[in-house]
Full PDB file with SEQRES, HELIX, SHEET, SSBOND, CRYST1, ORIGX, SCALE, CONECT and MASTER records, all heavy atoms in Angstrom:
SEQRES   1 A   36  LEU THR GLU GLY SER LYS HIS LEU LEU THR PHE MET ALA          
SEQRES   2 A   36  VAL GLY LEU PHE LEU VAL ALA MET MET GLU THR ARG PHE          
SEQRES   3 A   36  TYR ARG LYS ALA VAL PHE VAL GLY ALA VAL                      
HELIX    1 AA1 GLY A    4  HIS A    7  5                                   4    
HELIX    2 AA2 LEU A    8  MET A   21  1                                  14    
HELIX    3 AA3 ARG A   25  TYR A   27  5                                   3    
HELIX    4 AA4 ARG A   28  ALA A   35  1                                   8    
CRYST1    1.000    1.000    1.000  90.00  90.00  90.00 P 1           1          
ORIGX1      1.000000  0.000000  0.000000        0.00000                         
ORIGX2      0.000000  1.000000  0.000000        0.00000                         
ORIGX3      0.000000  0.000000  1.000000        0.00000                         
SCALE1      1.000000  0.000000  0.000000        0.00000                         
SCALE2      0.000000  1.000000  0.000000        0.00000                         
SCALE3      0.000000  0.000000  1.000000        0.00000                         
ATOM      1  N   LEU A   1       0.793  -1.212   0.083  1.00  0.00           N  
ATOM      2  CA  LEU A   1      -0.080  -0.039   0.037  1.00  0.00           C  
ATOM      3  C   LEU A   1       0.779   1.248   0.077  1.00  0.00           C  
ATOM      4  O   LEU A   1       0.589   2.191  -0.772  1.00  0.00           O  
ATOM      5  CB  LEU A   1      -0.941   0.016   1.205  1.00  0.00           C  
ATOM      6  CG  LEU A   1      -2.100  -0.990   1.110  1.00  0.00           C  
ATOM      7  CD1 LEU A   1      -2.997  -0.826   2.381  1.00  0.00           C  
ATOM      8  CD2 LEU A   1      -2.929  -0.841  -0.111  1.00  0.00           C  
ATOM      9  N   THR A   2       1.827   1.261   0.914  1.00  0.00           N  
ATOM     10  CA  THR A   2       2.624   2.571   0.938  1.00  0.00           C  
ATOM     11  C   THR A   2       3.447   2.815  -0.316  1.00  0.00           C  
ATOM     12  O   THR A   2       3.576   3.932  -0.814  1.00  0.00           O  
ATOM     13  CB  THR A   2       3.582   2.498   2.167  1.00  0.00           C  
ATOM     14  OG1 THR A   2       4.310   1.269   2.189  1.00  0.00           O  
ATOM     15  CG2 THR A   2       2.792   2.501   3.428  1.00  0.00           C  
ATOM     16  N   GLU A   3       4.034   1.744  -0.908  1.00  0.00           N  
ATOM     17  CA  GLU A   3       4.835   1.912  -2.128  1.00  0.00           C  
ATOM     18  C   GLU A   3       4.014   2.178  -3.335  1.00  0.00           C  
ATOM     19  O   GLU A   3       4.325   2.874  -4.184  1.00  0.00           O  
ATOM     20  CB  GLU A   3       5.759   0.733  -2.250  1.00  0.00           C  
ATOM     21  CG  GLU A   3       6.855   0.586  -1.213  1.00  0.00           C  
ATOM     22  CD  GLU A   3       7.729  -0.639  -1.491  1.00  0.00           C  
ATOM     23  OE1 GLU A   3       7.570  -1.229  -2.542  1.00  0.00           O  
ATOM     24  OE2 GLU A   3       8.530  -0.994  -0.645  1.00  0.00           O  
ATOM     25  N   GLY A   4       2.813   1.508  -3.286  1.00  0.00           N  
ATOM     26  CA  GLY A   4       1.966   1.654  -4.491  1.00  0.00           C  
ATOM     27  C   GLY A   4       1.181   2.917  -4.597  1.00  0.00           C  
ATOM     28  O   GLY A   4       0.582   3.257  -5.488  1.00  0.00           O  
ATOM     29  N   SER A   5       1.128   3.642  -3.375  1.00  0.00           N  
ATOM     30  CA  SER A   5       0.252   4.831  -3.332  1.00  0.00           C  
ATOM     31  C   SER A   5       0.639   5.923  -4.268  1.00  0.00           C  
ATOM     32  O   SER A   5      -0.149   6.625  -4.794  1.00  0.00           O  
ATOM     33  CB  SER A   5       0.304   5.419  -1.846  1.00  0.00           C  
ATOM     34  OG  SER A   5       1.647   5.868  -1.517  1.00  0.00           O  
ATOM     35  N   LYS A   6       1.975   6.025  -4.613  1.00  0.00           N  
ATOM     36  CA  LYS A   6       2.350   7.157  -5.463  1.00  0.00           C  
ATOM     37  C   LYS A   6       1.847   6.873  -6.973  1.00  0.00           C  
ATOM     38  O   LYS A   6       1.809   7.807  -7.677  1.00  0.00           O  
ATOM     39  CB  LYS A   6       3.879   7.235  -5.557  1.00  0.00           C  
ATOM     40  CG  LYS A   6       4.665   6.222  -6.303  1.00  0.00           C  
ATOM     41  CD  LYS A   6       6.159   6.556  -6.428  1.00  0.00           C  
ATOM     42  CE  LYS A   6       6.821   5.453  -7.235  1.00  0.00           C  
ATOM     43  NZ  LYS A   6       8.222   5.841  -7.508  1.00  0.00           N  
ATOM     44  N   HIS A   7       1.559   5.600  -7.292  1.00  0.00           N  
ATOM     45  CA  HIS A   7       1.092   5.286  -8.618  1.00  0.00           C  
ATOM     46  C   HIS A   7      -0.340   5.851  -8.811  1.00  0.00           C  
ATOM     47  O   HIS A   7      -0.773   6.042  -9.925  1.00  0.00           O  
ATOM     48  CB  HIS A   7       1.095   3.836  -8.817  1.00  0.00           C  
ATOM     49  CG  HIS A   7       2.416   3.226  -8.888  1.00  0.00           C  
ATOM     50  ND1 HIS A   7       3.398   3.608  -9.845  1.00  0.00           N  
ATOM     51  CD2 HIS A   7       3.054   2.371  -8.060  1.00  0.00           C  
ATOM     52  CE1 HIS A   7       4.499   2.893  -9.569  1.00  0.00           C  
ATOM     53  NE2 HIS A   7       4.364   2.188  -8.522  1.00  0.00           N  
ATOM     54  N   LEU A   8      -1.006   6.150  -7.699  1.00  0.00           N  
ATOM     55  CA  LEU A   8      -2.368   6.764  -7.858  1.00  0.00           C  
ATOM     56  C   LEU A   8      -2.283   8.232  -8.239  1.00  0.00           C  
ATOM     57  O   LEU A   8      -3.327   8.716  -8.723  1.00  0.00           O  
ATOM     58  CB  LEU A   8      -3.089   6.631  -6.422  1.00  0.00           C  
ATOM     59  CG  LEU A   8      -3.202   5.152  -5.893  1.00  0.00           C  
ATOM     60  CD1 LEU A   8      -4.063   5.298  -4.615  1.00  0.00           C  
ATOM     61  CD2 LEU A   8      -3.831   4.279  -6.860  1.00  0.00           C  
ATOM     62  N   LEU A   9      -1.175   8.835  -8.069  1.00  0.00           N  
ATOM     63  CA  LEU A   9      -1.080  10.291  -8.303  1.00  0.00           C  
ATOM     64  C   LEU A   9      -1.357  10.622  -9.849  1.00  0.00           C  
ATOM     65  O   LEU A   9      -1.927  11.632 -10.170  1.00  0.00           O  
ATOM     66  CB  LEU A   9       0.305  10.856  -7.984  1.00  0.00           C  
ATOM     67  CG  LEU A   9       0.733  10.742  -6.414  1.00  0.00           C  
ATOM     68  CD1 LEU A   9       2.085  11.151  -6.257  1.00  0.00           C  
ATOM     69  CD2 LEU A   9      -0.267  11.545  -5.622  1.00  0.00           C  
ATOM     70  N   THR A  10      -0.908   9.650 -10.730  1.00  0.00           N  
ATOM     71  CA  THR A  10      -1.118   9.856 -12.123  1.00  0.00           C  
ATOM     72  C   THR A  10      -2.655   9.863 -12.445  1.00  0.00           C  
ATOM     73  O   THR A  10      -3.053  10.732 -13.271  1.00  0.00           O  
ATOM     74  CB  THR A  10      -0.431   8.796 -12.953  1.00  0.00           C  
ATOM     75  OG1 THR A  10       0.999   8.901 -12.681  1.00  0.00           O  
ATOM     76  CG2 THR A  10      -0.703   8.945 -14.447  1.00  0.00           C  
ATOM     77  N   PHE A  11      -3.377   8.991 -11.782  1.00  0.00           N  
ATOM     78  CA  PHE A  11      -4.808   8.901 -12.105  1.00  0.00           C  
ATOM     79  C   PHE A  11      -5.495  10.193 -11.477  1.00  0.00           C  
ATOM     80  O   PHE A  11      -6.431  10.736 -12.157  1.00  0.00           O  
ATOM     81  CB  PHE A  11      -5.464   7.666 -11.280  1.00  0.00           C  
ATOM     82  CG  PHE A  11      -5.018   6.365 -12.017  1.00  0.00           C  
ATOM     83  CD1 PHE A  11      -3.815   5.804 -11.726  1.00  0.00           C  
ATOM     84  CD2 PHE A  11      -5.953   5.736 -12.792  1.00  0.00           C  
ATOM     85  CE1 PHE A  11      -3.393   4.623 -12.364  1.00  0.00           C  
ATOM     86  CE2 PHE A  11      -5.647   4.596 -13.387  1.00  0.00           C  
ATOM     87  CZ  PHE A  11      -4.325   3.935 -13.210  1.00  0.00           C  
ATOM     88  N   MET A  12      -5.025  10.689 -10.356  1.00  0.00           N  
ATOM     89  CA  MET A  12      -5.662  11.920  -9.784  1.00  0.00           C  
ATOM     90  C   MET A  12      -5.310  13.064 -10.677  1.00  0.00           C  
ATOM     91  O   MET A  12      -6.115  14.023 -10.836  1.00  0.00           O  
ATOM     92  CB  MET A  12      -5.111  12.179  -8.413  1.00  0.00           C  
ATOM     93  CG  MET A  12      -5.818  11.297  -7.384  1.00  0.00           C  
ATOM     94  SD  MET A  12      -5.555  11.787  -5.688  1.00  0.00           S  
ATOM     95  CE  MET A  12      -3.869  11.134  -5.369  1.00  0.00           C  
ATOM     96  N   ALA A  13      -4.061  13.157 -11.221  1.00  0.00           N  
ATOM     97  CA  ALA A  13      -3.670  14.300 -12.055  1.00  0.00           C  
ATOM     98  C   ALA A  13      -4.673  14.406 -13.309  1.00  0.00           C  
ATOM     99  O   ALA A  13      -5.092  15.547 -13.572  1.00  0.00           O  
ATOM    100  CB  ALA A  13      -2.213  14.138 -12.509  1.00  0.00           C  
ATOM    101  N   VAL A  14      -4.865  13.336 -14.013  1.00  0.00           N  
ATOM    102  CA  VAL A  14      -5.729  13.410 -15.181  1.00  0.00           C  
ATOM    103  C   VAL A  14      -7.203  13.524 -14.694  1.00  0.00           C  
ATOM    104  O   VAL A  14      -8.015  14.112 -15.467  1.00  0.00           O  
ATOM    105  CB  VAL A  14      -5.577  12.186 -16.124  1.00  0.00           C  
ATOM    106  CG1 VAL A  14      -6.061  10.936 -15.489  1.00  0.00           C  
ATOM    107  CG2 VAL A  14      -6.291  12.424 -17.409  1.00  0.00           C  
ATOM    108  N   GLY A  15      -7.551  12.998 -13.557  1.00  0.00           N  
ATOM    109  CA  GLY A  15      -8.882  13.018 -13.047  1.00  0.00           C  
ATOM    110  C   GLY A  15      -9.270  14.521 -12.896  1.00  0.00           C  
ATOM    111  O   GLY A  15     -10.517  14.827 -13.254  1.00  0.00           O  
ATOM    112  N   LEU A  16      -8.458  15.380 -12.310  1.00  0.00           N  
ATOM    113  CA  LEU A  16      -8.876  16.753 -12.003  1.00  0.00           C  
ATOM    114  C   LEU A  16      -9.101  17.496 -13.383  1.00  0.00           C  
ATOM    115  O   LEU A  16      -9.782  18.382 -13.375  1.00  0.00           O  
ATOM    116  CB  LEU A  16      -7.886  17.396 -11.088  1.00  0.00           C  
ATOM    117  CG  LEU A  16      -6.496  17.751 -11.596  1.00  0.00           C  
ATOM    118  CD1 LEU A  16      -6.405  19.068 -12.276  1.00  0.00           C  
ATOM    119  CD2 LEU A  16      -5.571  17.794 -10.358  1.00  0.00           C  
ATOM    120  N   PHE A  17      -8.263  17.148 -14.409  1.00  0.00           N  
ATOM    121  CA  PHE A  17      -8.440  17.786 -15.687  1.00  0.00           C  
ATOM    122  C   PHE A  17      -9.929  17.389 -16.286  1.00  0.00           C  
ATOM    123  O   PHE A  17     -10.535  18.340 -16.755  1.00  0.00           O  
ATOM    124  CB  PHE A  17      -7.382  17.354 -16.630  1.00  0.00           C  
ATOM    125  CG  PHE A  17      -6.186  18.168 -16.650  1.00  0.00           C  
ATOM    126  CD1 PHE A  17      -5.201  18.142 -15.599  1.00  0.00           C  
ATOM    127  CD2 PHE A  17      -5.855  19.047 -17.704  1.00  0.00           C  
ATOM    128  CE1 PHE A  17      -4.091  18.922 -15.492  1.00  0.00           C  
ATOM    129  CE2 PHE A  17      -4.743  19.811 -17.692  1.00  0.00           C  
ATOM    130  CZ  PHE A  17      -3.898  19.764 -16.619  1.00  0.00           C  
ATOM    131  N   LEU A  18     -10.288  16.139 -16.086  1.00  0.00           N  
ATOM    132  CA  LEU A  18     -11.576  15.806 -16.531  1.00  0.00           C  
ATOM    133  C   LEU A  18     -12.716  16.381 -15.705  1.00  0.00           C  
ATOM    134  O   LEU A  18     -13.728  16.744 -16.131  1.00  0.00           O  
ATOM    135  CB  LEU A  18     -11.709  14.298 -16.739  1.00  0.00           C  
ATOM    136  CG  LEU A  18     -10.903  13.649 -17.715  1.00  0.00           C  
ATOM    137  CD1 LEU A  18     -11.237  12.173 -17.903  1.00  0.00           C  
ATOM    138  CD2 LEU A  18     -10.901  14.381 -19.060  1.00  0.00           C  
ATOM    139  N   VAL A  19     -12.513  16.429 -14.393  1.00  0.00           N  
ATOM    140  CA  VAL A  19     -13.500  16.930 -13.455  1.00  0.00           C  
ATOM    141  C   VAL A  19     -13.794  18.432 -13.917  1.00  0.00           C  
ATOM    142  O   VAL A  19     -14.884  18.936 -13.802  1.00  0.00           O  
ATOM    143  CB  VAL A  19     -13.110  16.842 -12.021  1.00  0.00           C  
ATOM    144  CG1 VAL A  19     -13.946  17.717 -11.091  1.00  0.00           C  
ATOM    145  CG2 VAL A  19     -13.192  15.296 -11.632  1.00  0.00           C  
ATOM    146  N   ALA A  20     -12.662  19.172 -14.136  1.00  0.00           N  
ATOM    147  CA  ALA A  20     -12.846  20.554 -14.498  1.00  0.00           C  
ATOM    148  C   ALA A  20     -13.611  20.710 -15.853  1.00  0.00           C  
ATOM    149  O   ALA A  20     -14.286  21.793 -16.106  1.00  0.00           O  
ATOM    150  CB  ALA A  20     -11.487  21.218 -14.741  1.00  0.00           C  
ATOM    151  N   MET A  21     -13.630  19.711 -16.693  1.00  0.00           N  
ATOM    152  CA  MET A  21     -14.412  19.828 -17.988  1.00  0.00           C  
ATOM    153  C   MET A  21     -15.839  19.414 -17.796  1.00  0.00           C  
ATOM    154  O   MET A  21     -16.570  19.555 -18.801  1.00  0.00           O  
ATOM    155  CB  MET A  21     -13.590  18.912 -18.998  1.00  0.00           C  
ATOM    156  CG  MET A  21     -12.241  19.271 -19.403  1.00  0.00           C  
ATOM    157  SD  MET A  21     -12.110  20.963 -20.042  1.00  0.00           S  
ATOM    158  CE  MET A  21     -11.278  21.821 -18.656  1.00  0.00           C  
ATOM    159  N   MET A  22     -16.269  18.880 -16.718  1.00  0.00           N  
ATOM    160  CA  MET A  22     -17.574  18.463 -16.590  1.00  0.00           C  
ATOM    161  C   MET A  22     -18.584  19.637 -16.551  1.00  0.00           C  
ATOM    162  O   MET A  22     -18.286  20.737 -15.934  1.00  0.00           O  
ATOM    163  CB  MET A  22     -17.769  17.713 -15.186  1.00  0.00           C  
ATOM    164  CG  MET A  22     -17.115  16.391 -15.123  1.00  0.00           C  
ATOM    165  SD  MET A  22     -17.340  15.572 -13.437  1.00  0.00           S  
ATOM    166  CE  MET A  22     -16.459  14.043 -13.757  1.00  0.00           C  
ATOM    167  N   GLU A  23     -19.683  19.529 -17.395  1.00  0.00           N  
ATOM    168  CA  GLU A  23     -20.730  20.487 -17.468  1.00  0.00           C  
ATOM    169  C   GLU A  23     -21.718  20.270 -16.355  1.00  0.00           C  
ATOM    170  O   GLU A  23     -22.666  19.477 -16.582  1.00  0.00           O  
ATOM    171  CB  GLU A  23     -21.336  20.326 -18.867  1.00  0.00           C  
ATOM    172  CG  GLU A  23     -20.451  20.851 -20.011  1.00  0.00           C  
ATOM    173  CD  GLU A  23     -20.256  22.288 -20.069  1.00  0.00           C  
ATOM    174  OE1 GLU A  23     -20.837  22.992 -19.226  1.00  0.00           O  
ATOM    175  OE2 GLU A  23     -19.492  22.747 -20.982  1.00  0.00           O  
ATOM    176  N   THR A  24     -21.431  20.786 -15.248  1.00  0.00           N  
ATOM    177  CA  THR A  24     -22.287  20.628 -14.122  1.00  0.00           C  
ATOM    178  C   THR A  24     -22.725  22.000 -13.502  1.00  0.00           C  
ATOM    179  O   THR A  24     -22.008  22.967 -13.640  1.00  0.00           O  
ATOM    180  CB  THR A  24     -21.663  19.839 -12.925  1.00  0.00           C  
ATOM    181  OG1 THR A  24     -20.458  20.524 -12.580  1.00  0.00           O  
ATOM    182  CG2 THR A  24     -21.272  18.499 -13.465  1.00  0.00           C  
ATOM    183  N   ARG A  25     -23.868  21.983 -12.935  1.00  0.00           N  
ATOM    184  CA  ARG A  25     -24.396  23.289 -12.385  1.00  0.00           C  
ATOM    185  C   ARG A  25     -23.486  23.831 -11.219  1.00  0.00           C  
ATOM    186  O   ARG A  25     -23.208  23.047 -10.254  1.00  0.00           O  
ATOM    187  CB  ARG A  25     -25.816  23.188 -11.946  1.00  0.00           C  
ATOM    188  CG  ARG A  25     -26.520  24.420 -11.643  1.00  0.00           C  
ATOM    189  CD  ARG A  25     -27.991  24.203 -11.339  1.00  0.00           C  
ATOM    190  NE  ARG A  25     -28.612  25.509 -11.199  1.00  0.00           N  
ATOM    191  CZ  ARG A  25     -29.905  25.565 -10.816  1.00  0.00           C  
ATOM    192  NH1 ARG A  25     -30.614  24.481 -10.679  1.00  0.00           N  
ATOM    193  NH2 ARG A  25     -30.597  26.763 -10.740  1.00  0.00           N  
ATOM    194  N   PHE A  26     -23.036  24.952 -11.261  1.00  0.00           N  
ATOM    195  CA  PHE A  26     -22.238  25.607 -10.161  1.00  0.00           C  
ATOM    196  C   PHE A  26     -20.864  24.822  -9.939  1.00  0.00           C  
ATOM    197  O   PHE A  26     -20.185  25.141  -8.939  1.00  0.00           O  
ATOM    198  CB  PHE A  26     -23.039  25.655  -8.832  1.00  0.00           C  
ATOM    199  CG  PHE A  26     -24.287  26.519  -8.954  1.00  0.00           C  
ATOM    200  CD1 PHE A  26     -25.500  25.845  -8.700  1.00  0.00           C  
ATOM    201  CD2 PHE A  26     -24.369  27.658  -9.418  1.00  0.00           C  
ATOM    202  CE1 PHE A  26     -26.748  26.414  -8.752  1.00  0.00           C  
ATOM    203  CE2 PHE A  26     -25.579  28.355  -9.603  1.00  0.00           C  
ATOM    204  CZ  PHE A  26     -26.716  27.712  -9.275  1.00  0.00           C  
ATOM    205  N   TYR A  27     -20.599  23.898 -10.793  1.00  0.00           N  
ATOM    206  CA  TYR A  27     -19.317  23.155 -10.610  1.00  0.00           C  
ATOM    207  C   TYR A  27     -19.063  22.629  -9.240  1.00  0.00           C  
ATOM    208  O   TYR A  27     -18.022  22.649  -8.646  1.00  0.00           O  
ATOM    209  CB  TYR A  27     -18.110  23.992 -11.065  1.00  0.00           C  
ATOM    210  CG  TYR A  27     -18.163  24.306 -12.581  1.00  0.00           C  
ATOM    211  CD1 TYR A  27     -18.896  25.380 -13.081  1.00  0.00           C  
ATOM    212  CD2 TYR A  27     -17.486  23.462 -13.492  1.00  0.00           C  
ATOM    213  CE1 TYR A  27     -18.889  25.591 -14.423  1.00  0.00           C  
ATOM    214  CE2 TYR A  27     -17.468  23.706 -14.823  1.00  0.00           C  
ATOM    215  CZ  TYR A  27     -18.253  24.692 -15.331  1.00  0.00           C  
ATOM    216  OH  TYR A  27     -18.254  24.956 -16.654  1.00  0.00           O  
ATOM    217  N   ARG A  28     -20.158  22.100  -8.626  1.00  0.00           N  
ATOM    218  CA  ARG A  28     -20.077  21.601  -7.319  1.00  0.00           C  
ATOM    219  C   ARG A  28     -19.114  20.481  -7.120  1.00  0.00           C  
ATOM    220  O   ARG A  28     -18.452  20.352  -6.137  1.00  0.00           O  
ATOM    221  CB  ARG A  28     -21.474  21.216  -6.800  1.00  0.00           C  
ATOM    222  CG  ARG A  28     -22.419  22.343  -6.595  1.00  0.00           C  
ATOM    223  CD  ARG A  28     -23.774  21.949  -6.225  1.00  0.00           C  
ATOM    224  NE  ARG A  28     -24.383  21.402  -7.413  1.00  0.00           N  
ATOM    225  CZ  ARG A  28     -25.723  21.055  -7.416  1.00  0.00           C  
ATOM    226  NH1 ARG A  28     -26.464  21.269  -6.398  1.00  0.00           N  
ATOM    227  NH2 ARG A  28     -26.295  20.592  -8.500  1.00  0.00           N  
ATOM    228  N   LYS A  29     -19.006  19.595  -8.183  1.00  0.00           N  
ATOM    229  CA  LYS A  29     -18.081  18.460  -8.033  1.00  0.00           C  
ATOM    230  C   LYS A  29     -16.629  18.951  -8.062  1.00  0.00           C  
ATOM    231  O   LYS A  29     -15.845  18.384  -7.326  1.00  0.00           O  
ATOM    232  CB  LYS A  29     -18.332  17.506  -9.279  1.00  0.00           C  
ATOM    233  CG  LYS A  29     -19.774  16.894  -9.210  1.00  0.00           C  
ATOM    234  CD  LYS A  29     -20.071  16.006 -10.364  1.00  0.00           C  
ATOM    235  CE  LYS A  29     -21.463  15.503 -10.461  1.00  0.00           C  
ATOM    236  NZ  LYS A  29     -22.494  16.663 -10.666  1.00  0.00           N  
ATOM    237  N   ALA A  30     -16.357  19.934  -8.955  1.00  0.00           N  
ATOM    238  CA  ALA A  30     -15.004  20.502  -8.880  1.00  0.00           C  
ATOM    239  C   ALA A  30     -14.731  21.156  -7.608  1.00  0.00           C  
ATOM    240  O   ALA A  30     -13.602  21.020  -7.066  1.00  0.00           O  
ATOM    241  CB  ALA A  30     -14.844  21.479 -10.097  1.00  0.00           C  
ATOM    242  N   VAL A  31     -15.713  21.838  -7.010  1.00  0.00           N  
ATOM    243  CA  VAL A  31     -15.535  22.452  -5.735  1.00  0.00           C  
ATOM    244  C   VAL A  31     -15.199  21.371  -4.555  1.00  0.00           C  
ATOM    245  O   VAL A  31     -14.333  21.588  -3.748  1.00  0.00           O  
ATOM    246  CB  VAL A  31     -16.714  23.291  -5.319  1.00  0.00           C  
ATOM    247  CG1 VAL A  31     -16.592  23.785  -3.858  1.00  0.00           C  
ATOM    248  CG2 VAL A  31     -16.846  24.551  -6.172  1.00  0.00           C  
ATOM    249  N   PHE A  32     -15.936  20.340  -4.657  1.00  0.00           N  
ATOM    250  CA  PHE A  32     -15.667  19.161  -3.779  1.00  0.00           C  
ATOM    251  C   PHE A  32     -14.298  18.667  -3.847  1.00  0.00           C  
ATOM    252  O   PHE A  32     -13.522  18.517  -2.813  1.00  0.00           O  
ATOM    253  CB  PHE A  32     -16.722  18.103  -4.054  1.00  0.00           C  
ATOM    254  CG  PHE A  32     -16.406  16.818  -3.286  1.00  0.00           C  
ATOM    255  CD1 PHE A  32     -16.497  16.785  -1.875  1.00  0.00           C  
ATOM    256  CD2 PHE A  32     -16.022  15.766  -3.958  1.00  0.00           C  
ATOM    257  CE1 PHE A  32     -16.260  15.548  -1.235  1.00  0.00           C  
ATOM    258  CE2 PHE A  32     -15.797  14.431  -3.330  1.00  0.00           C  
ATOM    259  CZ  PHE A  32     -15.804  14.414  -1.964  1.00  0.00           C  
ATOM    260  N   VAL A  33     -13.842  18.344  -5.084  1.00  0.00           N  
ATOM    261  CA  VAL A  33     -12.538  17.790  -5.295  1.00  0.00           C  
ATOM    262  C   VAL A  33     -11.488  18.812  -4.887  1.00  0.00           C  
ATOM    263  O   VAL A  33     -10.536  18.448  -4.204  1.00  0.00           O  
ATOM    264  CB  VAL A  33     -12.327  17.465  -6.731  1.00  0.00           C  
ATOM    265  CG1 VAL A  33     -10.898  17.090  -7.086  1.00  0.00           C  
ATOM    266  CG2 VAL A  33     -13.177  16.266  -7.204  1.00  0.00           C  
ATOM    267  N   GLY A  34     -11.701  20.059  -5.225  1.00  0.00           N  
ATOM    268  CA  GLY A  34     -10.788  21.130  -4.800  1.00  0.00           C  
ATOM    269  C   GLY A  34     -10.702  21.261  -3.285  1.00  0.00           C  
ATOM    270  O   GLY A  34      -9.571  21.559  -2.790  1.00  0.00           O  
ATOM    271  N   ALA A  35     -11.732  21.170  -2.616  1.00  0.00           N  
ATOM    272  CA  ALA A  35     -11.724  21.266  -1.136  1.00  0.00           C  
ATOM    273  C   ALA A  35     -10.941  20.106  -0.514  1.00  0.00           C  
ATOM    274  O   ALA A  35     -10.154  20.290   0.402  1.00  0.00           O  
ATOM    275  CB  ALA A  35     -13.186  21.251  -0.540  1.00  0.00           C  
ATOM    276  N   VAL A  36     -11.105  18.874  -1.108  1.00  0.00           N  
ATOM    277  CA  VAL A  36     -10.302  17.798  -0.688  1.00  0.00           C  
ATOM    278  C   VAL A  36      -8.804  17.955  -0.812  1.00  0.00           C  
ATOM    279  O   VAL A  36      -7.998  17.758   0.047  1.00  0.00           O  
ATOM    280  CB  VAL A  36     -10.796  16.425  -1.272  1.00  0.00           C  
ATOM    281  CG1 VAL A  36      -9.843  15.295  -0.944  1.00  0.00           C  
ATOM    282  CG2 VAL A  36     -12.269  16.092  -0.912  1.00  0.00           C  
TER     283      VAL A  36                                                      
MASTER        0    0    0    4    0    0    0    6  282    1    0    3          
END                                                                             
């Protein structure tokens, strides 16, 4: 788990790019991810 955790960073990096592209009202999902 500890050594494999850094491999998740690539998924999160592209994930936030796609979350920003989501057509959602008030961008609440992007706000949630940004808050985390």
